[in-house]
């Protein structure tokens, strides 16, 4: 029987690692990490395994990656963090985990938008309350001079900030 050697590029290996996070395959993630894969490697969009796992609502995968040293404040190419993604998706348990592990509640993306702004924009009222309780600044302004408080008032949910 002939064995064929398969050579993967670094980009392909990273894509496989990121896909393991997307599909919540903790065993495969563990194998990659044991083989020396950096926990915060990024794909062509700047996504880390943690960003992908959290965006896909994989709490245990996120916990595993954070325990292995993933940076809770790593950003993608648009400057968005994992917390920004879960804020607009409304994944409260993952938000709790990220905040517990040191994620900045006010880290803005390249447009100046914070997780709190995303929670307001997408009508995630419970997330808005959670972020405010964690110390998020309702008056931080994005590049257009708009704050989360102003967005909430415009959307008729200004009561969340009182």
C-alpha atoms as a PDB file:
ATOM      1  CA  UNK A   1       0.000   0.000   0.000  1.00  0.00           C
ATOM      2  CA  UNK A   2       1.416   3.352  -1.031  1.00  0.00           C
ATOM      3  CA  UNK A   3       1.286   6.214   1.409  1.00  0.00           C
ATOM      4  CA  UNK A   4       0.726   9.682   0.064  1.00  0.00           C
ATOM      5  CA  UNK A   5       2.123  12.642   1.895  1.00  0.00           C
ATOM      6  CA  UNK A   6      -0.259  15.563   2.073  1.00  0.00           C
ATOM      7  CA  UNK A   7       1.283  18.977   2.505  1.00  0.00           C
ATOM      8  CA  UNK A   8      -0.901  21.719   3.915  1.00  0.00           C
ATOM      9  CA  UNK A   9      -0.044  25.394   3.765  1.00  0.00           C
ATOM     10  CA  UNK A  10       0.027  27.376   7.000  1.00  0.00           C
ATOM     11  CA  UNK A  11      -3.155  29.100   5.824  1.00  0.00           C
ATOM     12  CA  UNK A  12      -4.907  25.756   5.306  1.00  0.00           C
ATOM     13  CA  UNK A  13      -3.831  24.509   8.728  1.00  0.00           C
ATOM     14  CA  UNK A  14      -5.123  27.704  10.332  1.00  0.00           C
ATOM     15  CA  UNK A  15      -8.415  27.310   8.443  1.00  0.00           C
ATOM     16  CA  UNK A  16      -8.776  23.758   9.797  1.00  0.00           C
ATOM     17  CA  UNK A  17      -8.093  24.980  13.340  1.00  0.00           C
ATOM     18  CA  UNK A  18     -10.648  27.787  13.001  1.00  0.00           C
ATOM     19  CA  UNK A  19     -13.161  25.307  11.559  1.00  0.00           C
ATOM     20  CA  UNK A  20     -12.660  23.079  14.613  1.00  0.00           C
ATOM     21  CA  UNK A  21     -13.680  26.080  16.754  1.00  0.00           C
ATOM     22  CA  UNK A  22     -16.671  26.793  14.494  1.00  0.00           C
ATOM     23  CA  UNK A  23     -17.878  23.194  14.830  1.00  0.00           C
ATOM     24  CA  UNK A  24     -17.073  23.017  18.567  1.00  0.00           C
ATOM     25  CA  UNK A  25     -14.645  20.115  18.152  1.00  0.00           C
ATOM     26  CA  UNK A  26     -12.738  20.476  21.418  1.00  0.00           C
ATOM     27  CA  UNK A  27     -10.798  17.224  20.881  1.00  0.00           C
ATOM     28  CA  UNK A  28      -9.443  18.483  17.558  1.00  0.00           C
ATOM     29  CA  UNK A  29      -8.701  21.929  19.009  1.00  0.00           C
ATOM     30  CA  UNK A  30      -6.773  20.223  21.795  1.00  0.00           C
ATOM     31  CA  UNK A  31      -4.742  18.212  19.274  1.00  0.00           C
ATOM     32  CA  UNK A  32      -3.880  21.358  17.321  1.00  0.00           C
ATOM     33  CA  UNK A  33      -2.800  23.150  20.508  1.00  0.00           C
ATOM     34  CA  UNK A  34      -0.724  20.169  21.669  1.00  0.00           C
ATOM     35  CA  UNK A  35       1.007  20.245  18.268  1.00  0.00           C
ATOM     36  CA  UNK A  36       1.990  23.870  18.867  1.00  0.00           C
ATOM     37  CA  UNK A  37      -0.780  25.829  17.131  1.00  0.00           C
ATOM     38  CA  UNK A  38      -1.040  29.350  18.611  1.00  0.00           C
ATOM     39  CA  UNK A  39      -4.384  29.696  20.407  1.00  0.00           C
ATOM     40  CA  UNK A  40      -4.877  33.210  18.992  1.00  0.00           C
ATOM     41  CA  UNK A  41      -3.950  32.520  15.367  1.00  0.00           C
ATOM     42  CA  UNK A  42      -6.107  34.354  12.836  1.00  0.00           C
ATOM     43  CA  UNK A  43      -7.668  33.560   9.493  1.00  0.00           C
ATOM     44  CA  UNK A  44      -7.885  35.864   6.482  1.00  0.00           C
ATOM     45  CA  UNK A  45     -10.641  37.928   8.178  1.00  0.00           C
ATOM     46  CA  UNK A  46      -8.701  38.239  11.401  1.00  0.00           C
ATOM     47  CA  UNK A  47     -10.983  35.804  13.204  1.00  0.00           C
ATOM     48  CA  UNK A  48      -9.448  33.876  16.086  1.00  0.00           C
ATOM     49  CA  UNK A  49     -10.784  30.503  17.218  1.00  0.00           C
ATOM     50  CA  UNK A  50     -12.338  32.277  20.236  1.00  0.00           C
ATOM     51  CA  UNK A  51     -14.145  34.829  18.075  1.00  0.00           C
ATOM     52  CA  UNK A  52     -15.502  32.047  15.850  1.00  0.00           C
ATOM     53  CA  UNK A  53     -16.533  29.819  18.773  1.00  0.00           C
ATOM     54  CA  UNK A  54     -18.346  32.635  20.575  1.00  0.00           C
ATOM     55  CA  UNK A  55     -20.038  33.909  17.421  1.00  0.00           C
ATOM     56  CA  UNK A  56     -21.436  30.401  16.925  1.00  0.00           C
ATOM     57  CA  UNK A  57     -22.700  30.139  20.529  1.00  0.00           C
ATOM     58  CA  UNK A  58     -20.243  27.441  21.660  1.00  0.00           C
ATOM     59  CA  UNK A  59     -19.891  28.194  25.372  1.00  0.00           C
ATOM     60  CA  UNK A  60     -17.790  25.165  26.319  1.00  0.00           C
ATOM     61  CA  UNK A  61     -15.459  25.679  23.366  1.00  0.00           C
ATOM     62  CA  UNK A  62     -15.028  29.321  24.384  1.00  0.00           C
ATOM     63  CA  UNK A  63     -14.305  28.252  27.968  1.00  0.00           C
ATOM     64  CA  UNK A  64     -11.726  25.711  26.726  1.00  0.00           C
ATOM     65  CA  UNK A  65      -9.966  28.283  24.522  1.00  0.00           C
ATOM     66  CA  UNK A  66      -9.886  30.871  27.308  1.00  0.00           C
ATOM     67  CA  UNK A  67      -8.449  28.263  29.694  1.00  0.00           C
ATOM     68  CA  UNK A  68      -5.756  27.613  27.073  1.00  0.00           C
ATOM     69  CA  UNK A  69      -4.831  31.299  27.070  1.00  0.00           C
ATOM     70  CA  UNK A  70      -6.976  32.834  24.326  1.00  0.00           C
ATOM     71  CA  UNK A  71      -7.076  36.623  24.475  1.00  0.00           C
ATOM     72  CA  UNK A  72     -10.659  37.712  25.289  1.00  0.00           C
ATOM     73  CA  UNK A  73      -9.948  41.092  23.675  1.00  0.00           C
ATOM     74  CA  UNK A  74      -8.448  39.860  20.395  1.00  0.00           C
ATOM     75  CA  UNK A  75      -9.920  41.709  17.421  1.00  0.00           C
ATOM     76  CA  UNK A  76     -10.776  40.778  13.845  1.00  0.00           C
ATOM     77  CA  UNK A  77      -9.855  42.924  10.836  1.00  0.00           C
ATOM     78  CA  UNK A  78     -12.788  45.260  11.583  1.00  0.00           C
ATOM     79  CA  UNK A  79     -11.630  45.699  15.166  1.00  0.00           C
ATOM     80  CA  UNK A  80     -14.495  43.646  16.606  1.00  0.00           C
ATOM     81  CA  UNK A  81     -13.978  41.487  19.690  1.00  0.00           C
ATOM     82  CA  UNK A  82     -15.740  38.289  20.690  1.00  0.00           C
ATOM     83  CA  UNK A  83     -17.851  40.344  23.118  1.00  0.00           C
ATOM     84  CA  UNK A  84     -18.996  42.614  20.283  1.00  0.00           C
ATOM     85  CA  UNK A  85     -20.234  39.572  18.381  1.00  0.00           C
ATOM     86  CA  UNK A  86     -22.081  37.999  21.294  1.00  0.00           C
ATOM     87  CA  UNK A  87     -23.540  41.379  22.266  1.00  0.00           C
ATOM     88  CA  UNK A  88     -25.393  41.698  18.986  1.00  0.00           C
ATOM     89  CA  UNK A  89     -26.282  38.009  18.908  1.00  0.00           C
ATOM     90  CA  UNK A  90     -27.574  38.107  22.490  1.00  0.00           C
ATOM     91  CA  UNK A  91     -25.505  35.178  23.824  1.00  0.00           C
ATOM     92  CA  UNK A  92     -25.635  36.118  27.498  1.00  0.00           C
ATOM     93  CA  UNK A  93     -23.832  33.098  28.987  1.00  0.00           C
ATOM     94  CA  UNK A  94     -20.879  33.660  26.673  1.00  0.00           C
ATOM     95  CA  UNK A  95     -20.878  37.381  27.499  1.00  0.00           C
ATOM     96  CA  UNK A  96     -20.705  36.456  31.205  1.00  0.00           C
ATOM     97  CA  UNK A  97     -17.761  34.140  30.529  1.00  0.00           C
ATOM     98  CA  UNK A  98     -15.885  36.714  28.435  1.00  0.00           C
ATOM     99  CA  UNK A  99     -16.391  39.437  31.038  1.00  0.00           C
ATOM    100  CA  UNK A 100     -15.351  37.052  33.827  1.00  0.00           C
ATOM    101  CA  UNK A 101     -12.162  36.267  31.874  1.00  0.00           C
ATOM    102  CA  UNK A 102     -11.276  39.936  31.460  1.00  0.00           C
ATOM    103  CA  UNK A 103     -12.886  41.066  28.210  1.00  0.00           C
ATOM    104  CA  UNK A 104     -13.131  44.840  27.986  1.00  0.00           C
ATOM    105  CA  UNK A 105     -16.788  45.910  27.923  1.00  0.00           C
ATOM    106  CA  UNK A 106     -15.907  49.157  26.152  1.00  0.00           C
ATOM    107  CA  UNK A 107     -13.409  48.024  23.495  1.00  0.00           C
ATOM    108  CA  UNK A 108     -14.537  49.803  20.298  1.00  0.00           C
ATOM    109  CA  UNK A 109     -14.197  48.441  16.784  1.00  0.00           C
ATOM    110  CA  UNK A 110     -12.584  50.503  14.010  1.00  0.00           C
ATOM    111  CA  UNK A 111     -15.817  52.508  13.616  1.00  0.00           C
ATOM    112  CA  UNK A 112     -15.774  53.316  17.340  1.00  0.00           C
ATOM    113  CA  UNK A 113     -18.708  51.023  18.168  1.00  0.00           C
ATOM    114  CA  UNK A 114     -18.653  49.137  21.473  1.00  0.00           C
ATOM    115  CA  UNK A 115     -20.404  45.915  22.498  1.00  0.00           C
ATOM    116  CA  UNK A 116     -23.036  48.025  24.265  1.00  0.00           C
ATOM    117  CA  UNK A 117     -23.814  49.852  21.020  1.00  0.00           C
ATOM    118  CA  UNK A 118     -24.282  46.538  19.196  1.00  0.00           C
ATOM    119  CA  UNK A 119     -26.587  45.267  21.939  1.00  0.00           C
ATOM    120  CA  UNK A 120     -28.707  48.423  21.613  1.00  0.00           C
ATOM    121  CA  UNK A 121     -28.726  48.366  17.789  1.00  0.00           C
ATOM    122  CA  UNK A 122     -29.949  44.770  17.708  1.00  0.00           C
ATOM    123  CA  UNK A 123     -32.548  45.148  20.469  1.00  0.00           C
ATOM    124  CA  UNK A 124     -30.788  42.865  22.973  1.00  0.00           C
ATOM    125  CA  UNK A 125     -32.242  44.452  26.118  1.00  0.00           C
ATOM    126  CA  UNK A 126     -30.973  41.805  28.556  1.00  0.00           C
ATOM    127  CA  UNK A 127     -27.502  42.169  27.053  1.00  0.00           C
ATOM    128  CA  UNK A 128     -27.703  45.968  27.396  1.00  0.00           C
ATOM    129  CA  UNK A 129     -28.482  45.553  31.111  1.00  0.00           C
ATOM    130  CA  UNK A 130     -25.684  42.988  31.540  1.00  0.00           C
ATOM    131  CA  UNK A 131     -23.102  45.250  29.875  1.00  0.00           C
ATOM    132  CA  UNK A 132     -24.196  48.281  31.877  1.00  0.00           C
ATOM    133  CA  UNK A 133     -23.921  46.252  35.097  1.00  0.00           C
ATOM    134  CA  UNK A 134     -20.412  45.244  34.003  1.00  0.00           C
ATOM    135  CA  UNK A 135     -19.468  48.923  33.719  1.00  0.00           C
ATOM    136  CA  UNK A 136     -19.994  49.686  30.021  1.00  0.00           C
ATOM    137  CA  UNK A 137     -19.958  53.412  29.223  1.00  0.00           C
ATOM    138  CA  UNK A 138     -23.333  54.438  27.732  1.00  0.00           C
ATOM    139  CA  UNK A 139     -21.920  57.790  26.617  1.00  0.00           C
ATOM    140  CA  UNK A 140     -18.947  56.570  24.557  1.00  0.00           C
ATOM    141  CA  UNK A 141     -19.385  57.984  21.046  1.00  0.00           C
ATOM    142  CA  UNK A 142     -18.596  56.179  17.799  1.00  0.00           C
ATOM    143  CA  UNK A 143     -16.891  57.800  14.799  1.00  0.00           C
ATOM    144  CA  UNK A 144     -20.204  59.453  13.882  1.00  0.00           C
ATOM    145  CA  UNK A 145     -20.592  61.012  17.333  1.00  0.00           C
ATOM    146  CA  UNK A 146     -23.403  58.661  18.388  1.00  0.00           C
ATOM    147  CA  UNK A 147     -23.499  57.014  21.823  1.00  0.00           C
ATOM    148  CA  UNK A 148     -25.298  53.886  23.008  1.00  0.00           C
ATOM    149  CA  UNK A 149     -27.548  56.110  25.124  1.00  0.00           C
ATOM    150  CA  UNK A 150     -28.489  58.199  22.058  1.00  0.00           C
ATOM    151  CA  UNK A 151     -29.141  55.035  20.025  1.00  0.00           C
ATOM    152  CA  UNK A 152     -31.385  53.692  22.779  1.00  0.00           C
ATOM    153  CA  UNK A 153     -33.379  56.922  22.955  1.00  0.00           C
ATOM    154  CA  UNK A 154     -33.784  56.922  19.179  1.00  0.00           C
ATOM    155  CA  UNK A 155     -35.031  53.315  19.289  1.00  0.00           C
ATOM    156  CA  UNK A 156     -37.447  54.006  22.141  1.00  0.00           C
ATOM    157  CA  UNK A 157     -35.544  52.009  24.747  1.00  0.00           C
ATOM    158  CA  UNK A 158     -33.893  54.891  26.568  1.00  0.00           C
ATOM    159  CA  UNK A 159     -35.428  53.559  29.790  1.00  0.00           C
ATOM    160  CA  UNK A 160     -32.687  50.920  29.821  1.00  0.00           C
ATOM    161  CA  UNK A 161     -30.231  53.649  30.781  1.00  0.00           C
ATOM    162  CA  UNK A 162     -32.099  55.082  33.770  1.00  0.00           C
END
